[in-house]
PDB file of N, CA and C in Angstrom:
ATOM      1  N   UNK A   1     -12.759 -31.900 -47.682  1.00  0.00           N
ATOM      2  CA  UNK A   1     -13.781 -32.922 -47.737  1.00  0.00           C
ATOM      3  C   UNK A   1     -14.768 -32.652 -48.876  1.00  0.00           C
ATOM      4  N   UNK A   2     -14.958 -31.390 -49.191  1.00  0.00           N
ATOM      5  CA  UNK A   2     -15.868 -31.045 -50.286  1.00  0.00           C
ATOM      6  C   UNK A   2     -15.370 -31.634 -51.606  1.00  0.00           C
ATOM      7  N   UNK A   3     -14.076 -31.571 -51.820  1.00  0.00           N
ATOM      8  CA  UNK A   3     -13.489 -32.116 -53.049  1.00  0.00           C
ATOM      9  C   UNK A   3     -13.695 -33.627 -53.119  1.00  0.00           C
ATOM     10  N   UNK A   4     -13.495 -34.314 -52.007  1.00  0.00           N
ATOM     11  CA  UNK A   4     -13.663 -35.766 -51.996  1.00  0.00           C
ATOM     12  C   UNK A   4     -15.127 -36.160 -52.206  1.00  0.00           C
ATOM     13  N   UNK A   5     -16.042 -35.363 -51.689  1.00  0.00           N
ATOM     14  CA  UNK A   5     -17.469 -35.610 -51.935  1.00  0.00           C
ATOM     15  C   UNK A   5     -17.786 -35.443 -53.415  1.00  0.00           C
ATOM     16  N   UNK A   6     -17.211 -34.430 -54.019  1.00  0.00           N
ATOM     17  CA  UNK A   6     -17.384 -34.190 -55.448  1.00  0.00           C
ATOM     18  C   UNK A   6     -16.868 -35.382 -56.263  1.00  0.00           C
ATOM     19  N   UNK A   7     -15.685 -35.880 -55.922  1.00  0.00           N
ATOM     20  CA  UNK A   7     -15.105 -37.031 -56.624  1.00  0.00           C
ATOM     21  C   UNK A   7     -15.968 -38.270 -56.419  1.00  0.00           C
ATOM     22  N   UNK A   8     -16.455 -38.461 -55.218  1.00  0.00           N
ATOM     23  CA  UNK A   8     -17.330 -39.593 -54.932  1.00  0.00           C
ATOM     24  C   UNK A   8     -18.569 -39.538 -55.813  1.00  0.00           C
ATOM     25  N   UNK A   9     -19.136 -38.364 -55.986  1.00  0.00           N
ATOM     26  CA  UNK A   9     -20.338 -38.219 -56.808  1.00  0.00           C
ATOM     27  C   UNK A   9     -20.054 -38.476 -58.286  1.00  0.00           C
ATOM     28  N   UNK A  10     -18.901 -38.050 -58.755  1.00  0.00           N
ATOM     29  CA  UNK A  10     -18.516 -38.353 -60.138  1.00  0.00           C
ATOM     30  C   UNK A  10     -18.486 -39.862 -60.336  1.00  0.00           C
ATOM     31  N   UNK A  11     -17.833 -40.553 -59.408  1.00  0.00           N
ATOM     32  CA  UNK A  11     -17.720 -42.016 -59.513  1.00  0.00           C
ATOM     33  C   UNK A  11     -19.081 -42.693 -59.357  1.00  0.00           C
ATOM     34  N   UNK A  12     -19.887 -42.231 -58.417  1.00  0.00           N
ATOM     35  CA  UNK A  12     -21.175 -42.865 -58.151  1.00  0.00           C
ATOM     36  C   UNK A  12     -22.128 -42.753 -59.333  1.00  0.00           C
ATOM     37  N   UNK A  13     -21.966 -41.706 -60.109  1.00  0.00           N
ATOM     38  CA  UNK A  13     -22.842 -41.506 -61.265  1.00  0.00           C
ATOM     39  C   UNK A  13     -22.185 -41.960 -62.568  1.00  0.00           C
ATOM     40  N   UNK A  14     -21.107 -42.741 -62.432  1.00  0.00           N
ATOM     41  CA  UNK A  14     -20.426 -43.363 -63.571  1.00  0.00           C
ATOM     42  C   UNK A  14     -19.961 -42.343 -64.613  1.00  0.00           C
ATOM     43  N   UNK A  15     -19.509 -41.208 -64.125  1.00  0.00           N
ATOM     44  CA  UNK A  15     -18.984 -40.189 -65.033  1.00  0.00           C
ATOM     45  C   UNK A  15     -17.505 -40.429 -65.283  1.00  0.00           C
ATOM     46  N   UNK A  16     -17.007 -39.837 -66.317  1.00  0.00           N
ATOM     47  CA  UNK A  16     -15.593 -39.945 -66.672  1.00  0.00           C
ATOM     48  C   UNK A  16     -14.764 -39.169 -65.658  1.00  0.00           C
ATOM     49  N   UNK A  17     -13.706 -39.786 -65.166  1.00  0.00           N
ATOM     50  CA  UNK A  17     -12.848 -39.140 -64.174  1.00  0.00           C
ATOM     51  C   UNK A  17     -11.399 -39.056 -64.622  1.00  0.00           C
ATOM     52  N   UNK A  18     -10.940 -40.004 -65.425  1.00  0.00           N
ATOM     53  CA  UNK A  18      -9.506 -40.143 -65.679  1.00  0.00           C
ATOM     54  C   UNK A  18      -8.877 -38.911 -66.319  1.00  0.00           C
ATOM     55  N   UNK A  19      -9.562 -38.201 -67.197  1.00  0.00           N
ATOM     56  CA  UNK A  19      -8.964 -37.003 -67.810  1.00  0.00           C
ATOM     57  C   UNK A  19      -9.854 -35.779 -67.643  1.00  0.00           C
ATOM     58  N   UNK A  20     -10.626 -35.776 -66.608  1.00  0.00           N
ATOM     59  CA  UNK A  20     -11.573 -34.698 -66.351  1.00  0.00           C
ATOM     60  C   UNK A  20     -10.874 -33.509 -65.686  1.00  0.00           C
ATOM     61  N   UNK A  21     -11.267 -32.314 -66.104  1.00  0.00           N
ATOM     62  CA  UNK A  21     -10.837 -31.117 -65.392  1.00  0.00           C
ATOM     63  C   UNK A  21     -11.825 -30.903 -64.252  1.00  0.00           C
ATOM     64  N   UNK A  22     -11.326 -30.899 -63.040  1.00  0.00           N
ATOM     65  CA  UNK A  22     -12.191 -30.840 -61.868  1.00  0.00           C
ATOM     66  C   UNK A  22     -12.779 -29.445 -61.690  1.00  0.00           C
ATOM     67  N   UNK A  23     -14.080 -29.379 -61.527  1.00  0.00           N
ATOM     68  CA  UNK A  23     -14.753 -28.102 -61.300  1.00  0.00           C
ATOM     69  C   UNK A  23     -14.545 -27.638 -59.865  1.00  0.00           C
ATOM     70  N   UNK A  24     -14.480 -28.570 -58.942  1.00  0.00           N
ATOM     71  CA  UNK A  24     -14.220 -28.259 -57.540  1.00  0.00           C
ATOM     72  C   UNK A  24     -12.815 -28.760 -57.246  1.00  0.00           C
ATOM     73  N   UNK A  25     -11.950 -27.824 -56.886  1.00  0.00           N
ATOM     74  CA  UNK A  25     -10.527 -28.136 -56.734  1.00  0.00           C
ATOM     75  C   UNK A  25     -10.075 -27.911 -55.300  1.00  0.00           C
ATOM     76  N   UNK A  26      -9.084 -28.675 -54.861  1.00  0.00           N
ATOM     77  CA  UNK A  26      -8.537 -28.418 -53.525  1.00  0.00           C
ATOM     78  C   UNK A  26      -7.757 -27.108 -53.508  1.00  0.00           C
ATOM     79  N   UNK A  27      -7.878 -26.409 -52.409  1.00  0.00           N
ATOM     80  CA  UNK A  27      -7.116 -25.168 -52.257  1.00  0.00           C
ATOM     81  C   UNK A  27      -5.657 -25.497 -52.026  1.00  0.00           C
ATOM     82  N   UNK A  28      -4.781 -24.645 -52.504  1.00  0.00           N
ATOM     83  CA  UNK A  28      -3.347 -24.877 -52.332  1.00  0.00           C
ATOM     84  C   UNK A  28      -2.692 -23.805 -51.460  1.00  0.00           C
ATOM     85  N   UNK A  29      -3.475 -22.896 -50.917  1.00  0.00           N
ATOM     86  CA  UNK A  29      -2.915 -21.870 -50.055  1.00  0.00           C
ATOM     87  C   UNK A  29      -2.614 -22.465 -48.686  1.00  0.00           C
ATOM     88  N   UNK A  30      -1.479 -22.072 -48.135  1.00  0.00           N
ATOM     89  CA  UNK A  30      -1.106 -22.487 -46.797  1.00  0.00           C
ATOM     90  C   UNK A  30      -0.619 -23.916 -46.679  1.00  0.00           C
ATOM     91  N   UNK A  31      -0.303 -24.546 -47.788  1.00  0.00           N
ATOM     92  CA  UNK A  31       0.160 -25.933 -47.769  1.00  0.00           C
ATOM     93  C   UNK A  31       1.680 -25.988 -47.842  1.00  0.00           C
ATOM     94  N   UNK A  32       2.237 -27.126 -47.471  1.00  0.00           N
ATOM     95  CA  UNK A  32       3.677 -27.303 -47.595  1.00  0.00           C
ATOM     96  C   UNK A  32       4.056 -27.378 -49.067  1.00  0.00           C
ATOM     97  N   UNK A  33       5.332 -27.222 -49.349  1.00  0.00           N
ATOM     98  CA  UNK A  33       5.790 -27.114 -50.741  1.00  0.00           C
ATOM     99  C   UNK A  33       5.537 -28.357 -51.579  1.00  0.00           C
ATOM    100  N   UNK A  34       5.370 -29.524 -50.944  1.00  0.00           N
ATOM    101  CA  UNK A  34       5.104 -30.746 -51.709  1.00  0.00           C
ATOM    102  C   UNK A  34       3.752 -30.699 -52.418  1.00  0.00           C
ATOM    103  N   UNK A  35       2.835 -29.894 -51.894  1.00  0.00           N
ATOM    104  CA  UNK A  35       1.477 -29.834 -52.438  1.00  0.00           C
ATOM    105  C   UNK A  35       1.305 -28.781 -53.532  1.00  0.00           C
ATOM    106  N   UNK A  36       2.292 -27.942 -53.735  1.00  0.00           N
ATOM    107  CA  UNK A  36       2.149 -26.844 -54.693  1.00  0.00           C
ATOM    108  C   UNK A  36       3.184 -26.982 -55.809  1.00  0.00           C
ATOM    109  N   UNK A  37       3.001 -26.232 -56.917  1.00  0.00           N
ATOM    110  CA  UNK A  37       3.968 -26.297 -58.004  1.00  0.00           C
ATOM    111  C   UNK A  37       5.360 -25.909 -57.514  1.00  0.00           C
ATOM    112  N   UNK A  38       6.383 -26.519 -58.036  1.00  0.00           N
ATOM    113  CA  UNK A  38       6.476 -27.435 -59.157  1.00  0.00           C
ATOM    114  C   UNK A  38       6.288 -28.906 -58.775  1.00  0.00           C
ATOM    115  N   UNK A  39       6.276 -29.233 -57.468  1.00  0.00           N
ATOM    116  CA  UNK A  39       6.126 -30.646 -57.072  1.00  0.00           C
ATOM    117  C   UNK A  39       4.793 -31.228 -57.535  1.00  0.00           C
ATOM    118  N   UNK A  40       3.740 -30.513 -57.308  1.00  0.00           N
ATOM    119  CA  UNK A  40       2.406 -30.924 -57.731  1.00  0.00           C
ATOM    120  C   UNK A  40       1.902 -29.839 -58.678  1.00  0.00           C
ATOM    121  N   UNK A  41       2.117 -30.022 -59.973  1.00  0.00           N
ATOM    122  CA  UNK A  41       1.894 -28.930 -60.923  1.00  0.00           C
ATOM    123  C   UNK A  41       0.442 -28.483 -61.083  1.00  0.00           C
ATOM    124  N   UNK A  42      -0.517 -29.384 -60.903  1.00  0.00           N
ATOM    125  CA  UNK A  42      -1.909 -29.024 -61.158  1.00  0.00           C
ATOM    126  C   UNK A  42      -2.795 -29.460 -60.006  1.00  0.00           C
ATOM    127  N   UNK A  43      -3.842 -28.691 -59.782  1.00  0.00           N
ATOM    128  CA  UNK A  43      -4.830 -29.096 -58.780  1.00  0.00           C
ATOM    129  C   UNK A  43      -6.203 -29.297 -59.417  1.00  0.00           C
ATOM    130  N   UNK A  44      -6.225 -29.479 -60.727  1.00  0.00           N
ATOM    131  CA  UNK A  44      -7.504 -29.628 -61.426  1.00  0.00           C
ATOM    132  C   UNK A  44      -7.649 -30.976 -62.118  1.00  0.00           C
ATOM    133  N   UNK A  45      -6.813 -31.944 -61.742  1.00  0.00           N
ATOM    134  CA  UNK A  45      -6.858 -33.284 -62.338  1.00  0.00           C
ATOM    135  C   UNK A  45      -6.806 -34.336 -61.228  1.00  0.00           C
ATOM    136  N   UNK A  46      -6.964 -35.565 -61.605  1.00  0.00           N
ATOM    137  CA  UNK A  46      -7.105 -36.651 -60.652  1.00  0.00           C
ATOM    138  C   UNK A  46      -5.837 -36.916 -59.831  1.00  0.00           C
ATOM    139  N   UNK A  47      -4.672 -36.535 -60.307  1.00  0.00           N
ATOM    140  CA  UNK A  47      -3.445 -36.817 -59.555  1.00  0.00           C
ATOM    141  C   UNK A  47      -3.484 -36.197 -58.166  1.00  0.00           C
ATOM    142  N   UNK A  48      -3.940 -34.963 -58.040  1.00  0.00           N
ATOM    143  CA  UNK A  48      -3.993 -34.320 -56.723  1.00  0.00           C
ATOM    144  C   UNK A  48      -4.956 -35.062 -55.801  1.00  0.00           C
ATOM    145  N   UNK A  49      -6.024 -35.609 -56.342  1.00  0.00           N
ATOM    146  CA  UNK A  49      -6.985 -36.369 -55.539  1.00  0.00           C
ATOM    147  C   UNK A  49      -6.337 -37.658 -55.035  1.00  0.00           C
ATOM    148  N   UNK A  50      -5.574 -38.308 -55.891  1.00  0.00           N
ATOM    149  CA  UNK A  50      -4.877 -39.518 -55.472  1.00  0.00           C
ATOM    150  C   UNK A  50      -3.853 -39.214 -54.380  1.00  0.00           C
ATOM    151  N   UNK A  51      -3.201 -38.056 -54.463  1.00  0.00           N
ATOM    152  CA  UNK A  51      -2.273 -37.660 -53.404  1.00  0.00           C
ATOM    153  C   UNK A  51      -3.007 -37.437 -52.083  1.00  0.00           C
ATOM    154  N   UNK A  52      -4.172 -36.802 -52.147  1.00  0.00           N
ATOM    155  CA  UNK A  52      -4.967 -36.568 -50.942  1.00  0.00           C
ATOM    156  C   UNK A  52      -5.395 -37.900 -50.324  1.00  0.00           C
ATOM    157  N   UNK A  53      -5.907 -38.796 -51.152  1.00  0.00           N
ATOM    158  CA  UNK A  53      -6.326 -40.102 -50.650  1.00  0.00           C
ATOM    159  C   UNK A  53      -5.143 -40.876 -50.058  1.00  0.00           C
ATOM    160  N   UNK A  54      -4.014 -40.825 -50.737  1.00  0.00           N
ATOM    161  CA  UNK A  54      -2.815 -41.498 -50.243  1.00  0.00           C
ATOM    162  C   UNK A  54      -2.413 -40.938 -48.883  1.00  0.00           C
ATOM    163  N   UNK A  55      -2.445 -39.629 -48.762  1.00  0.00           N
ATOM    164  CA  UNK A  55      -2.084 -38.987 -47.493  1.00  0.00           C
ATOM    165  C   UNK A  55      -3.044 -39.410 -46.376  1.00  0.00           C
ATOM    166  N   UNK A  56      -4.330 -39.377 -46.644  1.00  0.00           N
ATOM    167  CA  UNK A  56      -5.311 -39.760 -45.624  1.00  0.00           C
ATOM    168  C   UNK A  56      -5.160 -41.222 -45.208  1.00  0.00           C
ATOM    169  N   UNK A  57      -4.889 -42.081 -46.168  1.00  0.00           N
ATOM    170  CA  UNK A  57      -4.708 -43.490 -45.849  1.00  0.00           C
ATOM    171  C   UNK A  57      -3.423 -43.735 -45.060  1.00  0.00           C
ATOM    172  N   UNK A  58      -2.359 -43.013 -45.388  1.00  0.00           N
ATOM    173  CA  UNK A  58      -1.107 -43.157 -44.637  1.00  0.00           C
ATOM    174  C   UNK A  58      -1.288 -42.712 -43.190  1.00  0.00           C
ATOM    175  N   UNK A  59      -1.960 -41.592 -43.001  1.00  0.00           N
ATOM    176  CA  UNK A  59      -2.172 -41.062 -41.656  1.00  0.00           C
ATOM    177  C   UNK A  59      -2.988 -42.045 -40.811  1.00  0.00           C
ATOM    178  N   UNK A  60      -3.934 -42.723 -41.450  1.00  0.00           N
ATOM    179  CA  UNK A  60      -4.764 -43.681 -40.716  1.00  0.00           C
ATOM    180  C   UNK A  60      -4.107 -45.058 -40.603  1.00  0.00           C
ATOM    181  N   UNK A  61      -2.954 -45.242 -41.253  1.00  0.00           N
ATOM    182  CA  UNK A  61      -2.234 -46.504 -41.179  1.00  0.00           C
ATOM    183  C   UNK A  61      -2.764 -47.585 -42.114  1.00  0.00           C
ATOM    184  N   UNK A  62      -3.475 -47.190 -43.174  1.00  0.00           N
ATOM    185  CA  UNK A  62      -4.088 -48.159 -44.075  1.00  0.00           C
ATOM    186  C   UNK A  62      -3.659 -48.014 -45.526  1.00  0.00           C
ATOM    187  N   UNK A  63      -2.599 -47.283 -45.801  1.00  0.00           N
ATOM    188  CA  UNK A  63      -2.294 -46.931 -47.173  1.00  0.00           C
ATOM    189  C   UNK A  63      -1.372 -47.832 -47.970  1.00  0.00           C
ATOM    190  N   UNK A  64      -0.689 -48.765 -47.356  1.00  0.00           N
ATOM    191  CA  UNK A  64       0.319 -49.527 -48.085  1.00  0.00           C
ATOM    192  C   UNK A  64      -0.253 -50.361 -49.227  1.00  0.00           C
ATOM    193  N   UNK A  65      -1.281 -51.124 -48.973  1.00  0.00           N
ATOM    194  CA  UNK A  65      -1.882 -51.944 -50.029  1.00  0.00           C
ATOM    195  C   UNK A  65      -2.482 -51.084 -51.126  1.00  0.00           C
ATOM    196  N   UNK A  66      -3.106 -49.988 -50.739  1.00  0.00           N
ATOM    197  CA  UNK A  66      -3.735 -49.103 -51.710  1.00  0.00           C
ATOM    198  C   UNK A  66      -2.683 -48.481 -52.615  1.00  0.00           C
ATOM    199  N   UNK A  67      -1.594 -48.034 -52.038  1.00  0.00           N
ATOM    200  CA  UNK A  67      -0.528 -47.405 -52.819  1.00  0.00           C
ATOM    201  C   UNK A  67       0.062 -48.395 -53.822  1.00  0.00           C
ATOM    202  N   UNK A  68       0.278 -49.614 -53.407  1.00  0.00           N
ATOM    203  CA  UNK A  68       0.795 -50.634 -54.322  1.00  0.00           C
ATOM    204  C   UNK A  68      -0.194 -50.915 -55.450  1.00  0.00           C
ATOM    205  N   UNK A  69      -1.473 -50.939 -55.138  1.00  0.00           N
ATOM    206  CA  UNK A  69      -2.500 -51.171 -56.158  1.00  0.00           C
ATOM    207  C   UNK A  69      -2.537 -50.027 -57.166  1.00  0.00           C
ATOM    208  N   UNK A  70      -2.350 -48.796 -56.696  1.00  0.00           N
ATOM    209  CA  UNK A  70      -2.320 -47.634 -57.600  1.00  0.00           C
ATOM    210  C   UNK A  70      -1.116 -47.724 -58.531  1.00  0.00           C
ATOM    211  N   UNK A  71       0.042 -48.082 -57.993  1.00  0.00           N
ATOM    212  CA  UNK A  71       1.229 -48.239 -58.838  1.00  0.00           C
ATOM    213  C   UNK A  71       0.993 -49.297 -59.906  1.00  0.00           C
ATOM    214  N   UNK A  72       0.433 -50.412 -59.508  1.00  0.00           N
ATOM    215  CA  UNK A  72       0.193 -51.505 -60.446  1.00  0.00           C
ATOM    216  C   UNK A  72      -0.827 -51.124 -61.513  1.00  0.00           C
ATOM    217  N   UNK A  73      -1.887 -50.427 -61.114  1.00  0.00           N
ATOM    218  CA  UNK A  73      -2.947 -50.038 -62.037  1.00  0.00           C
ATOM    219  C   UNK A  73      -2.513 -48.914 -62.979  1.00  0.00           C
ATOM    220  N   UNK A  74      -1.879 -47.889 -62.430  1.00  0.00           N
ATOM    221  CA  UNK A  74      -1.588 -46.694 -63.218  1.00  0.00           C
ATOM    222  C   UNK A  74      -0.194 -46.660 -63.822  1.00  0.00           C
ATOM    223  N   UNK A  75       0.673 -47.559 -63.414  1.00  0.00           N
ATOM    224  CA  UNK A  75       2.023 -47.599 -63.986  1.00  0.00           C
ATOM    225  C   UNK A  75       2.018 -47.708 -65.497  1.00  0.00           C
ATOM    226  N   UNK A  76       1.321 -48.693 -66.068  1.00  0.00           N
ATOM    227  CA  UNK A  76       1.289 -48.810 -67.532  1.00  0.00           C
ATOM    228  C   UNK A  76       0.579 -47.638 -68.219  1.00  0.00           C
ATOM    229  N   UNK A  77      -0.436 -47.106 -67.578  1.00  0.00           N
ATOM    230  CA  UNK A  77      -1.198 -45.998 -68.175  1.00  0.00           C
ATOM    231  C   UNK A  77      -0.354 -44.733 -68.213  1.00  0.00           C
ATOM    232  N   UNK A  78       0.342 -44.448 -67.116  1.00  0.00           N
ATOM    233  CA  UNK A  78       1.138 -43.222 -67.053  1.00  0.00           C
ATOM    234  C   UNK A  78       2.447 -43.325 -67.821  1.00  0.00           C
ATOM    235  N   UNK A  79       2.761 -44.506 -68.331  1.00  0.00           N
ATOM    236  CA  UNK A  79       3.943 -44.655 -69.185  1.00  0.00           C
ATOM    237  C   UNK A  79       3.738 -43.964 -70.527  1.00  0.00           C
ATOM    238  N   UNK A  80       2.509 -43.680 -70.867  1.00  0.00           N
ATOM    239  CA  UNK A  80       2.184 -42.958 -72.100  1.00  0.00           C
ATOM    240  C   UNK A  80       2.046 -41.480 -71.733  1.00  0.00           C
ATOM    241  N   UNK A  81       2.993 -40.634 -72.151  1.00  0.00           N
ATOM    242  CA  UNK A  81       3.020 -39.234 -71.707  1.00  0.00           C
ATOM    243  C   UNK A  81       1.713 -38.479 -71.918  1.00  0.00           C
ATOM    244  N   UNK A  82       1.049 -38.715 -73.021  1.00  0.00           N
ATOM    245  CA  UNK A  82      -0.208 -38.008 -73.302  1.00  0.00           C
ATOM    246  C   UNK A  82      -1.272 -38.337 -72.255  1.00  0.00           C
ATOM    247  N   UNK A  83      -1.335 -39.591 -71.851  1.00  0.00           N
ATOM    248  CA  UNK A  83      -2.327 -39.999 -70.860  1.00  0.00           C
ATOM    249  C   UNK A  83      -1.953 -39.505 -69.465  1.00  0.00           C
ATOM    250  N   UNK A  84      -0.673 -39.553 -69.157  1.00  0.00           N
ATOM    251  CA  UNK A  84      -0.221 -39.049 -67.853  1.00  0.00           C
ATOM    252  C   UNK A  84      -0.547 -37.562 -67.717  1.00  0.00           C
ATOM    253  N   UNK A  85      -0.304 -36.795 -68.768  1.00  0.00           N
ATOM    254  CA  UNK A  85      -0.610 -35.365 -68.744  1.00  0.00           C
ATOM    255  C   UNK A  85      -2.116 -35.124 -68.615  1.00  0.00           C
ATOM    256  N   UNK A  86      -2.927 -35.959 -69.255  1.00  0.00           N
ATOM    257  CA  UNK A  86      -4.380 -35.801 -69.183  1.00  0.00           C
ATOM    258  C   UNK A  86      -4.902 -36.007 -67.767  1.00  0.00           C
ATOM    259  N   UNK A  87      -4.178 -36.777 -66.969  1.00  0.00           N
ATOM    260  CA  UNK A  87      -4.589 -37.023 -65.583  1.00  0.00           C
ATOM    261  C   UNK A  87      -3.863 -36.112 -64.596  1.00  0.00           C
ATOM    262  N   UNK A  88      -2.983 -35.252 -65.094  1.00  0.00           N
ATOM    263  CA  UNK A  88      -2.262 -34.321 -64.239  1.00  0.00           C
ATOM    264  C   UNK A  88      -1.057 -34.916 -63.536  1.00  0.00           C
ATOM    265  N   UNK A  89      -0.591 -36.065 -64.000  1.00  0.00           N
ATOM    266  CA  UNK A  89       0.571 -36.707 -63.398  1.00  0.00           C
ATOM    267  C   UNK A  89       1.844 -36.006 -63.868  1.00  0.00           C
ATOM    268  N   UNK A  90       2.705 -35.591 -62.942  1.00  0.00           N
ATOM    269  CA  UNK A  90       3.979 -35.007 -63.352  1.00  0.00           C
ATOM    270  C   UNK A  90       4.943 -36.104 -63.801  1.00  0.00           C
ATOM    271  N   UNK A  91       6.016 -35.695 -64.464  1.00  0.00           N
ATOM    272  CA  UNK A  91       7.064 -36.656 -64.802  1.00  0.00           C
ATOM    273  C   UNK A  91       7.621 -37.229 -63.500  1.00  0.00           C
ATOM    274  N   UNK A  92       7.982 -38.491 -63.531  1.00  0.00           N
ATOM    275  CA  UNK A  92       8.542 -39.160 -62.359  1.00  0.00           C
ATOM    276  C   UNK A  92       7.598 -39.097 -61.145  1.00  0.00           C
ATOM    277  N   UNK A  93       6.318 -39.310 -61.379  1.00  0.00           N
ATOM    278  CA  UNK A  93       5.329 -39.200 -60.307  1.00  0.00           C
ATOM    279  C   UNK A  93       5.548 -40.218 -59.197  1.00  0.00           C
ATOM    280  N   UNK A  94       6.187 -41.328 -59.505  1.00  0.00           N
ATOM    281  CA  UNK A  94       6.423 -42.349 -58.485  1.00  0.00           C
ATOM    282  C   UNK A  94       7.379 -41.836 -57.416  1.00  0.00           C
ATOM    283  N   UNK A  95       8.276 -40.917 -57.776  1.00  0.00           N
ATOM    284  CA  UNK A  95       9.201 -40.336 -56.809  1.00  0.00           C
ATOM    285  C   UNK A  95       8.658 -39.084 -56.151  1.00  0.00           C
ATOM    286  N   UNK A  96       7.400 -38.769 -56.349  1.00  0.00           N
ATOM    287  CA  UNK A  96       6.795 -37.572 -55.731  1.00  0.00           C
ATOM    288  C   UNK A  96       6.951 -37.663 -54.212  1.00  0.00           C
ATOM    289  N   UNK A  97       7.304 -36.569 -53.543  1.00  0.00           N
ATOM    290  CA  UNK A  97       7.542 -36.615 -52.099  1.00  0.00           C
ATOM    291  C   UNK A  97       6.342 -37.097 -51.271  1.00  0.00           C
ATOM    292  N   UNK A  98       5.147 -36.932 -51.772  1.00  0.00           N
ATOM    293  CA  UNK A  98       3.960 -37.356 -51.019  1.00  0.00           C
ATOM    294  C   UNK A  98       3.581 -38.801 -51.248  1.00  0.00           C
ATOM    295  N   UNK A  99       4.248 -39.493 -52.173  1.00  0.00           N
ATOM    296  CA  UNK A  99       3.977 -40.918 -52.360  1.00  0.00           C
ATOM    297  C   UNK A  99       4.780 -41.663 -51.354  1.00  0.00           C
TER     298      UNK A  99
END
């Protein structure tokens, strides 16, 4: 929850988020293999936050529309390898086990 509060504050203060290196990162100890490298290569970029949000929304039964909106919004952006890497998106992120 601390990480999500940090992200909320970045957004609330209109700071740059898309290629930011996160100062407060989610811990990866004790997680299933989908959350750690090589499946999720970095925990210091926005991709891991999107995975967390997606997971929370799925568990609450509210994630389908949000997931489709993320695909529509970020599909063209992540098609450019340099931008995808700046956000921490792995190759073939749409097939990530947590999506």
